[in-house]
Amino acid sequence: AFFLYSNANRQRVRDENKGIAFGQVAKILSTEFRALSDKERKTWEKKAGKDKIRYQDEMKDYVPPSESDSDSDEPKSRAKKKKVKDPNKPKRNQSSFFLYSNEVRSTVRTENPSAKFGDIAKIISVQFRALSEKERKRLDKLAAKDKERYQKAMVDYNATL
């Protein structure tokens, strides 16, 4: 019943809310459907029942195509669509390790000029594990401040959506 309601009202919701994302359209339709009176909902449920009967009648006569009917022997693959990132979204908070890594990477690189990127990361990791308790607490405080910054920025960002 909900799918029939959605199909019937999707264009109306898009017209009322120009430039709205697909997910937002679905949320609006879902809210509207839940708010329908029992009488209105029953009309959609009747339509769904009729559609179900129609589908079952069609499926009685359906003969699936044989697998050799396809044009090519290769299986079809669907490429996943990459989610578009919002450039205005705040950067995530950094952990104490990443903060430490950013501080010492240049010095480690100059001390080990022949080291590759992965080797530099291993050296920094060993140094981080060997840090004193005082230095670790300093980095943890910086990470906590960065986390608060991120959370505030996300609240502001979500308020603009």
N, C-alpha and C. Protein backbone atom coordinates (compact mmCIF):
# COMPACT_ATOMS: atom_id res chain seq x y z
N ALA A 1 0.83 -1.18 0.00
CA ALA A 1 0.00 0.00 0.00
C ALA A 1 0.88 1.26 0.00
N PHE A 2 1.94 1.22 0.78
CA PHE A 2 2.82 2.38 0.85
C PHE A 2 3.48 2.66 -0.50
N PHE A 3 3.89 1.60 -1.21
CA PHE A 3 4.55 1.80 -2.51
C PHE A 3 3.60 2.43 -3.52
N LEU A 4 2.36 1.99 -3.51
CA LEU A 4 1.38 2.59 -4.43
C LEU A 4 1.17 4.06 -4.07
N TYR A 5 1.04 4.34 -2.77
CA TYR A 5 0.88 5.72 -2.31
C TYR A 5 2.09 6.56 -2.73
N SER A 6 3.29 5.99 -2.54
CA SER A 6 4.52 6.71 -2.90
C SER A 6 4.56 7.02 -4.39
N ASN A 7 4.26 6.01 -5.21
CA ASN A 7 4.29 6.22 -6.66
C ASN A 7 3.28 7.28 -7.10
N ALA A 8 2.13 7.29 -6.45
CA ALA A 8 1.08 8.23 -6.83
C ALA A 8 1.41 9.67 -6.39
N ASN A 9 2.15 9.82 -5.31
CA ASN A 9 2.37 11.15 -4.73
C ASN A 9 3.80 11.67 -4.83
N ARG A 10 4.71 10.89 -5.36
CA ARG A 10 6.12 11.29 -5.41
C ARG A 10 6.32 12.59 -6.20
N GLN A 11 5.70 12.68 -7.36
CA GLN A 11 5.89 13.87 -8.19
C GLN A 11 5.33 15.12 -7.51
N ARG A 12 4.20 14.97 -6.82
CA ARG A 12 3.61 16.11 -6.11
C ARG A 12 4.58 16.63 -5.05
N VAL A 13 5.20 15.71 -4.29
CA VAL A 13 6.13 16.12 -3.24
C VAL A 13 7.37 16.77 -3.86
N ARG A 14 7.85 16.24 -4.99
CA ARG A 14 9.00 16.86 -5.66
C ARG A 14 8.66 18.26 -6.14
N ASP A 15 7.44 18.44 -6.68
CA ASP A 15 7.04 19.76 -7.17
C ASP A 15 6.92 20.76 -6.02
N GLU A 16 6.41 20.30 -4.87
CA GLU A 16 6.26 21.19 -3.72
C GLU A 16 7.60 21.54 -3.09
N ASN A 17 8.59 20.65 -3.21
CA ASN A 17 9.90 20.85 -2.59
C ASN A 17 10.97 20.73 -3.66
N LYS A 18 11.22 21.80 -4.38
CA LYS A 18 12.19 21.79 -5.48
C LYS A 18 13.59 21.48 -4.97
N GLY A 19 14.33 20.66 -5.70
CA GLY A 19 15.72 20.37 -5.38
C GLY A 19 15.92 19.48 -4.17
N ILE A 20 14.90 18.77 -3.76
CA ILE A 20 14.99 17.92 -2.58
C ILE A 20 15.61 16.58 -2.95
N ALA A 21 16.37 16.00 -2.05
CA ALA A 21 17.03 14.72 -2.29
C ALA A 21 16.02 13.58 -2.23
N PHE A 22 16.39 12.46 -2.86
CA PHE A 22 15.50 11.30 -2.91
C PHE A 22 15.12 10.82 -1.51
N GLY A 23 16.09 10.76 -0.61
CA GLY A 23 15.82 10.31 0.75
C GLY A 23 14.82 11.20 1.47
N GLN A 24 14.92 12.50 1.24
CA GLN A 24 14.00 13.43 1.87
C GLN A 24 12.58 13.24 1.33
N VAL A 25 12.47 12.96 0.02
CA VAL A 25 11.15 12.70 -0.57
C VAL A 25 10.53 11.48 0.10
N ALA A 26 11.33 10.44 0.28
CA ALA A 26 10.84 9.21 0.91
C ALA A 26 10.39 9.48 2.35
N LYS A 27 11.13 10.31 3.08
CA LYS A 27 10.75 10.62 4.46
C LYS A 27 9.42 11.37 4.51
N ILE A 28 9.26 12.33 3.62
CA ILE A 28 8.01 13.10 3.58
C ILE A 28 6.84 12.18 3.26
N LEU A 29 7.02 11.33 2.24
CA LEU A 29 5.94 10.41 1.86
C LEU A 29 5.62 9.45 2.99
N SER A 30 6.64 8.97 3.68
CA SER A 30 6.42 8.06 4.80
C SER A 30 5.63 8.74 5.91
N THR A 31 5.98 9.97 6.22
CA THR A 31 5.27 10.72 7.26
C THR A 31 3.81 10.94 6.86
N GLU A 32 3.60 11.30 5.60
CA GLU A 32 2.24 11.51 5.11
C GLU A 32 1.43 10.22 5.19
N PHE A 33 2.05 9.11 4.79
CA PHE A 33 1.33 7.84 4.77
C PHE A 33 0.93 7.43 6.19
N ARG A 34 1.83 7.62 7.14
CA ARG A 34 1.51 7.28 8.53
C ARG A 34 0.40 8.15 9.09
N ALA A 35 0.28 9.37 8.56
CA ALA A 35 -0.73 10.31 9.06
C ALA A 35 -2.09 10.13 8.39
N LEU A 36 -2.20 9.23 7.42
CA LEU A 36 -3.48 9.02 6.74
C LEU A 36 -4.52 8.48 7.71
N SER A 37 -5.78 8.85 7.46
CA SER A 37 -6.86 8.30 8.27
C SER A 37 -7.07 6.84 7.88
N ASP A 38 -7.80 6.11 8.72
CA ASP A 38 -8.04 4.70 8.43
C ASP A 38 -8.77 4.52 7.11
N LYS A 39 -9.71 5.41 6.82
CA LYS A 39 -10.48 5.31 5.58
C LYS A 39 -9.57 5.48 4.36
N GLU A 40 -8.71 6.51 4.40
CA GLU A 40 -7.79 6.75 3.29
C GLU A 40 -6.80 5.61 3.13
N ARG A 41 -6.32 5.09 4.26
CA ARG A 41 -5.35 4.00 4.21
C ARG A 41 -5.99 2.74 3.63
N LYS A 42 -7.26 2.49 3.96
CA LYS A 42 -7.94 1.30 3.44
C LYS A 42 -8.08 1.37 1.92
N THR A 43 -8.27 2.58 1.37
CA THR A 43 -8.37 2.67 -0.09
C THR A 43 -7.04 2.26 -0.73
N TRP A 44 -5.92 2.65 -0.12
CA TRP A 44 -4.62 2.25 -0.66
C TRP A 44 -4.38 0.76 -0.45
N GLU A 45 -4.85 0.22 0.67
CA GLU A 45 -4.69 -1.21 0.91
C GLU A 45 -5.54 -2.03 -0.06
N LYS A 46 -6.73 -1.51 -0.43
CA LYS A 46 -7.56 -2.19 -1.43
C LYS A 46 -6.85 -2.20 -2.77
N LYS A 47 -6.27 -1.05 -3.14
CA LYS A 47 -5.53 -0.98 -4.40
C LYS A 47 -4.35 -1.96 -4.39
N ALA A 48 -3.69 -2.07 -3.25
CA ALA A 48 -2.56 -3.00 -3.14
C ALA A 48 -3.04 -4.44 -3.26
N GLY A 49 -4.20 -4.75 -2.67
CA GLY A 49 -4.76 -6.09 -2.79
C GLY A 49 -5.09 -6.43 -4.23
N LYS A 50 -5.70 -5.48 -4.95
CA LYS A 50 -6.02 -5.70 -6.36
C LYS A 50 -4.74 -5.90 -7.18
N ASP A 51 -3.72 -5.10 -6.88
CA ASP A 51 -2.46 -5.21 -7.61
C ASP A 51 -1.80 -6.56 -7.33
N LYS A 52 -1.93 -7.05 -6.11
CA LYS A 52 -1.35 -8.34 -5.75
C LYS A 52 -2.03 -9.46 -6.53
N ILE A 53 -3.35 -9.38 -6.64
CA ILE A 53 -4.10 -10.39 -7.41
C ILE A 53 -3.69 -10.33 -8.88
N ARG A 54 -3.57 -9.11 -9.43
CA ARG A 54 -3.13 -8.95 -10.81
C ARG A 54 -1.76 -9.57 -11.02
N TYR A 55 -0.85 -9.32 -10.10
CA TYR A 55 0.50 -9.85 -10.19
C TYR A 55 0.49 -11.38 -10.17
N GLN A 56 -0.30 -11.96 -9.25
CA GLN A 56 -0.36 -13.41 -9.15
C GLN A 56 -0.93 -14.04 -10.42
N ASP A 57 -1.93 -13.37 -11.01
CA ASP A 57 -2.49 -13.86 -12.28
C ASP A 57 -1.45 -13.82 -13.39
N GLU A 58 -0.67 -12.75 -13.45
CA GLU A 58 0.36 -12.64 -14.47
C GLU A 58 1.46 -13.67 -14.27
N MET A 59 1.78 -13.97 -13.03
CA MET A 59 2.86 -14.90 -12.74
C MET A 59 2.47 -16.35 -13.07
N LYS A 60 1.18 -16.65 -13.13
CA LYS A 60 0.75 -18.01 -13.49
C LYS A 60 1.20 -18.36 -14.90
N ASP A 61 1.15 -17.38 -15.80
CA ASP A 61 1.50 -17.60 -17.20
C ASP A 61 2.96 -17.28 -17.51
N TYR A 62 3.71 -16.82 -16.55
CA TYR A 62 5.08 -16.37 -16.79
C TYR A 62 6.01 -17.55 -16.96
N VAL A 63 6.83 -17.48 -18.00
CA VAL A 63 7.87 -18.48 -18.24
C VAL A 63 9.20 -17.73 -18.26
N PRO A 64 10.08 -18.00 -17.30
CA PRO A 64 11.35 -17.27 -17.28
C PRO A 64 12.20 -17.61 -18.49
N PRO A 65 12.95 -16.66 -19.00
CA PRO A 65 13.80 -16.93 -20.16
C PRO A 65 14.94 -17.87 -19.78
N SER A 66 15.36 -18.67 -20.74
CA SER A 66 16.48 -19.57 -20.46
C SER A 66 17.75 -18.74 -20.35
N GLU A 67 18.74 -19.27 -19.67
CA GLU A 67 19.97 -18.52 -19.45
C GLU A 67 20.78 -18.34 -20.72
N SER A 68 20.53 -19.17 -21.73
CA SER A 68 21.30 -19.07 -22.98
C SER A 68 20.76 -17.98 -23.89
N ASP A 69 19.66 -17.30 -23.51
CA ASP A 69 19.08 -16.26 -24.34
C ASP A 69 19.83 -14.94 -24.27
N SER A 70 20.73 -14.80 -23.33
CA SER A 70 21.41 -13.51 -23.20
C SER A 70 22.33 -13.26 -24.38
N ASP A 71 22.60 -12.00 -24.66
CA ASP A 71 23.41 -11.62 -25.82
C ASP A 71 24.89 -11.96 -25.63
N SER A 72 25.37 -11.91 -24.42
CA SER A 72 26.79 -12.20 -24.19
C SER A 72 26.92 -13.27 -23.12
N ASP A 73 28.08 -13.89 -23.07
CA ASP A 73 28.32 -14.93 -22.09
C ASP A 73 28.82 -14.36 -20.76
N GLU A 74 29.17 -13.08 -20.75
CA GLU A 74 29.70 -12.46 -19.55
C GLU A 74 28.57 -12.04 -18.62
N PRO A 75 28.74 -12.24 -17.32
CA PRO A 75 27.71 -11.77 -16.39
C PRO A 75 27.69 -10.25 -16.33
N LYS A 76 26.52 -9.70 -16.17
CA LYS A 76 26.41 -8.25 -16.10
C LYS A 76 26.84 -7.78 -14.72
N SER A 77 27.65 -6.76 -14.70
CA SER A 77 28.08 -6.20 -13.42
C SER A 77 27.58 -4.77 -13.34
N ARG A 78 27.16 -4.42 -12.17
CA ARG A 78 26.66 -3.07 -11.95
C ARG A 78 27.71 -2.28 -11.20
N ALA A 79 28.09 -1.19 -11.75
CA ALA A 79 29.07 -0.33 -11.09
C ALA A 79 28.36 0.44 -9.98
N LYS A 80 28.99 0.46 -8.82
CA LYS A 80 28.40 1.20 -7.71
C LYS A 80 28.62 2.69 -7.94
N LYS A 81 27.58 3.45 -7.67
CA LYS A 81 27.71 4.89 -7.80
C LYS A 81 28.39 5.42 -6.55
N LYS A 82 29.40 6.24 -6.77
CA LYS A 82 30.13 6.81 -5.65
C LYS A 82 29.31 7.94 -5.06
N LYS A 83 29.20 7.92 -3.74
CA LYS A 83 28.44 8.95 -3.05
C LYS A 83 29.18 10.28 -3.16
N VAL A 84 28.46 11.31 -3.55
CA VAL A 84 29.07 12.63 -3.70
C VAL A 84 29.27 13.24 -2.32
N LYS A 85 30.49 13.67 -2.04
CA LYS A 85 30.79 14.26 -0.74
C LYS A 85 30.45 15.74 -0.77
N ASP A 86 29.87 16.21 0.33
CA ASP A 86 29.54 17.62 0.46
C ASP A 86 30.81 18.37 0.85
N PRO A 87 31.26 19.32 0.05
CA PRO A 87 32.49 20.05 0.39
C PRO A 87 32.33 20.94 1.62
N ASN A 88 31.10 21.25 2.01
CA ASN A 88 30.87 22.10 3.18
C ASN A 88 30.82 21.31 4.48
N LYS A 89 30.81 19.98 4.39
CA LYS A 89 30.73 19.16 5.59
C LYS A 89 32.05 19.28 6.36
N PRO A 90 31.97 19.46 7.68
CA PRO A 90 33.20 19.64 8.48
C PRO A 90 34.09 18.39 8.43
N LYS A 91 35.39 18.62 8.53
CA LYS A 91 36.34 17.52 8.57
C LYS A 91 36.17 16.78 9.89
N ARG A 92 36.36 15.47 9.87
CA ARG A 92 36.24 14.67 11.09
C ARG A 92 37.33 15.04 12.09
N ASN A 93 37.04 14.75 13.35
CA ASN A 93 38.02 15.03 14.39
C ASN A 93 39.20 14.05 14.27
N GLN A 94 40.36 14.50 14.74
CA GLN A 94 41.56 13.67 14.65
C GLN A 94 41.84 13.03 16.00
N SER A 95 42.30 11.79 15.97
CA SER A 95 42.66 11.08 17.19
C SER A 95 44.01 11.60 17.69
N SER A 96 44.35 11.21 18.91
CA SER A 96 45.62 11.65 19.47
C SER A 96 46.79 11.12 18.63
N PHE A 97 46.66 9.92 18.06
CA PHE A 97 47.72 9.39 17.21
C PHE A 97 47.92 10.24 15.96
N PHE A 98 46.83 10.64 15.31
CA PHE A 98 46.96 11.45 14.10
C PHE A 98 47.54 12.83 14.42
N LEU A 99 47.15 13.39 15.56
CA LEU A 99 47.73 14.68 15.95
C LEU A 99 49.24 14.54 16.16
N TYR A 100 49.64 13.47 16.85
CA TYR A 100 51.07 13.22 17.07
C TYR A 100 51.78 12.98 15.74
N SER A 101 51.15 12.20 14.89
CA SER A 101 51.73 11.88 13.59
C SER A 101 51.98 13.14 12.77
N ASN A 102 51.03 14.06 12.78
CA ASN A 102 51.19 15.31 12.04
C ASN A 102 52.32 16.16 12.62
N GLU A 103 52.51 16.10 13.95
CA GLU A 103 53.57 16.88 14.59
C GLU A 103 54.96 16.38 14.21
N VAL A 104 55.14 15.07 14.17
CA VAL A 104 56.50 14.52 14.04
C VAL A 104 56.83 13.97 12.66
N ARG A 105 55.88 13.93 11.75
CA ARG A 105 56.13 13.30 10.45
C ARG A 105 57.31 13.95 9.71
N SER A 106 57.36 15.27 9.70
CA SER A 106 58.44 15.94 8.95
C SER A 106 59.81 15.63 9.54
N THR A 107 59.91 15.59 10.88
CA THR A 107 61.22 15.27 11.49
C THR A 107 61.60 13.82 11.23
N VAL A 108 60.64 12.91 11.29
CA VAL A 108 60.93 11.50 11.01
C VAL A 108 61.35 11.34 9.56
N ARG A 109 60.73 12.08 8.67
CA ARG A 109 61.07 12.01 7.24
C ARG A 109 62.50 12.51 6.99
N THR A 110 62.89 13.59 7.70
CA THR A 110 64.26 14.10 7.50
C THR A 110 65.29 13.16 8.13
N GLU A 111 64.94 12.50 9.24
CA GLU A 111 65.86 11.56 9.88
C GLU A 111 66.00 10.27 9.07
N ASN A 112 64.96 9.91 8.32
CA ASN A 112 64.95 8.68 7.52
C ASN A 112 64.58 9.01 6.08
N PRO A 113 65.49 9.62 5.33
CA PRO A 113 65.14 10.06 3.97
C PRO A 113 64.84 8.93 3.00
N SER A 114 65.38 7.75 3.23
CA SER A 114 65.14 6.64 2.30
C SER A 114 63.89 5.83 2.66
N ALA A 115 63.26 6.15 3.80
CA ALA A 115 62.08 5.39 4.24
C ALA A 115 60.87 5.72 3.38
N LYS A 116 60.11 4.68 3.09
CA LYS A 116 58.88 4.86 2.31
C LYS A 116 57.77 5.31 3.25
N PHE A 117 56.62 5.64 2.66
CA PHE A 117 55.50 6.16 3.45
C PHE A 117 55.09 5.17 4.55
N GLY A 118 54.97 3.91 4.20
CA GLY A 118 54.57 2.89 5.17
C GLY A 118 55.59 2.73 6.28
N ASP A 119 56.88 2.81 5.92
CA ASP A 119 57.94 2.71 6.93
C ASP A 119 57.89 3.88 7.90
N ILE A 120 57.63 5.07 7.38
CA ILE A 120 57.52 6.26 8.24
C ILE A 120 56.36 6.09 9.21
N ALA A 121 55.24 5.56 8.73
CA ALA A 121 54.08 5.33 9.59
C ALA A 121 54.42 4.33 10.69
N LYS A 122 55.19 3.30 10.37
CA LYS A 122 55.59 2.31 11.39
C LYS A 122 56.48 2.94 12.44
N ILE A 123 57.42 3.77 12.02
CA ILE A 123 58.32 4.45 12.96
C ILE A 123 57.53 5.35 13.89
N ILE A 124 56.61 6.11 13.32
CA ILE A 124 55.78 7.02 14.13
C ILE A 124 54.94 6.21 15.11
N SER A 125 54.42 5.08 14.68
CA SER A 125 53.60 4.23 15.54
C SER A 125 54.40 3.73 16.74
N VAL A 126 55.63 3.30 16.50
CA VAL A 126 56.50 2.83 17.59
C VAL A 126 56.78 3.97 18.56
N GLN A 127 57.07 5.15 18.03
CA GLN A 127 57.34 6.31 18.88
C GLN A 127 56.12 6.68 19.70
N PHE A 128 54.94 6.60 19.09
CA PHE A 128 53.71 6.96 19.79
C PHE A 128 53.46 6.02 20.97
N ARG A 129 53.69 4.73 20.76
CA ARG A 129 53.48 3.77 21.84
C ARG A 129 54.47 3.99 22.98
N ALA A 130 55.63 4.56 22.68
CA ALA A 130 56.67 4.78 23.69
C ALA A 130 56.55 6.15 24.37
N LEU A 131 55.52 6.92 24.06
CA LEU A 131 55.38 8.26 24.64
C LEU A 131 55.17 8.19 26.15
N SER A 132 55.61 9.26 26.83
CA SER A 132 55.40 9.34 28.27
C SER A 132 53.92 9.61 28.56
N GLU A 133 53.52 9.34 29.79
CA GLU A 133 52.12 9.53 30.19
C GLU A 133 51.72 11.00 30.06
N LYS A 134 52.64 11.90 30.42
CA LYS A 134 52.37 13.34 30.35
C LYS A 134 52.11 13.78 28.91
N GLU A 135 52.97 13.32 27.98
CA GLU A 135 52.82 13.68 26.57
C GLU A 135 51.53 13.07 25.99
N ARG A 136 51.21 11.85 26.40
CA ARG A 136 50.00 11.18 25.92
C ARG A 136 48.76 11.94 26.38
N LYS A 137 48.77 12.42 27.64
CA LYS A 137 47.63 13.19 28.15
C LYS A 137 47.46 14.50 27.39
N ARG A 138 48.59 15.14 27.06
CA ARG A 138 48.53 16.38 26.28
C ARG A 138 47.85 16.13 24.93
N LEU A 139 48.23 15.05 24.27
CA LEU A 139 47.64 14.72 22.97
C LEU A 139 46.17 14.33 23.11
N ASP A 140 45.85 13.62 24.19
CA ASP A 140 44.45 13.24 24.42
C ASP A 140 43.57 14.47 24.64
N LYS A 141 44.12 15.49 25.34
CA LYS A 141 43.36 16.73 25.54
C LYS A 141 43.13 17.45 24.21
N LEU A 142 44.18 17.48 23.38
CA LEU A 142 44.04 18.10 22.06
C LEU A 142 43.00 17.36 21.22
N ALA A 143 43.01 16.03 21.31
CA ALA A 143 42.04 15.23 20.56
C ALA A 143 40.63 15.48 21.07
N ALA A 144 40.48 15.64 22.39
CA ALA A 144 39.16 15.92 22.96
C ALA A 144 38.65 17.29 22.50
N LYS A 145 39.55 18.29 22.46
CA LYS A 145 39.16 19.62 21.96
C LYS A 145 38.74 19.54 20.50
N ASP A 146 39.49 18.76 19.72
CA ASP A 146 39.16 18.62 18.30
C ASP A 146 37.82 17.90 18.12
N LYS A 147 37.54 16.96 19.01
CA LYS A 147 36.26 16.24 18.94
C LYS A 147 35.11 17.20 19.25
N GLU A 148 35.30 18.06 20.25
CA GLU A 148 34.27 19.06 20.57
C GLU A 148 34.06 20.01 19.39
N ARG A 149 35.17 20.43 18.76
CA ARG A 149 35.07 21.29 17.59
C ARG A 149 34.25 20.62 16.50
N TYR A 150 34.53 19.34 16.25
CA TYR A 150 33.82 18.60 15.21
C TYR A 150 32.33 18.48 15.54
N GLN A 151 32.03 18.15 16.79
CA GLN A 151 30.62 17.99 17.18
C GLN A 151 29.86 19.30 17.04
N LYS A 152 30.47 20.42 17.44
CA LYS A 152 29.81 21.73 17.28
C LYS A 152 29.63 22.06 15.81
N ALA A 153 30.65 21.79 15.02
CA ALA A 153 30.57 22.06 13.59
C ALA A 153 29.48 21.21 12.93
N MET A 154 29.33 19.96 13.38
CA MET A 154 28.30 19.09 12.81
C MET A 154 26.90 19.56 13.20
N VAL A 155 26.76 20.07 14.43
CA VAL A 155 25.46 20.61 14.84
C VAL A 155 25.10 21.79 13.95
N ASP A 156 26.06 22.68 13.73
CA ASP A 156 25.83 23.84 12.85
C ASP A 156 25.55 23.38 11.42
N TYR A 157 26.30 22.40 10.95
CA TYR A 157 26.13 21.89 9.58
C TYR A 157 24.75 21.26 9.40
N ASN A 158 24.35 20.43 10.37
CA ASN A 158 23.04 19.76 10.28
C ASN A 158 21.89 20.76 10.39
N ALA A 159 22.12 21.87 11.08
CA ALA A 159 21.08 22.89 11.20
C ALA A 159 20.84 23.59 9.86
N THR A 160 21.86 23.62 9.02
CA THR A 160 21.71 24.28 7.71
C THR A 160 21.06 23.38 6.68
N LEU A 161 20.95 22.08 6.95
CA LEU A 161 20.34 21.15 5.97
C LEU A 161 18.86 21.29 5.90
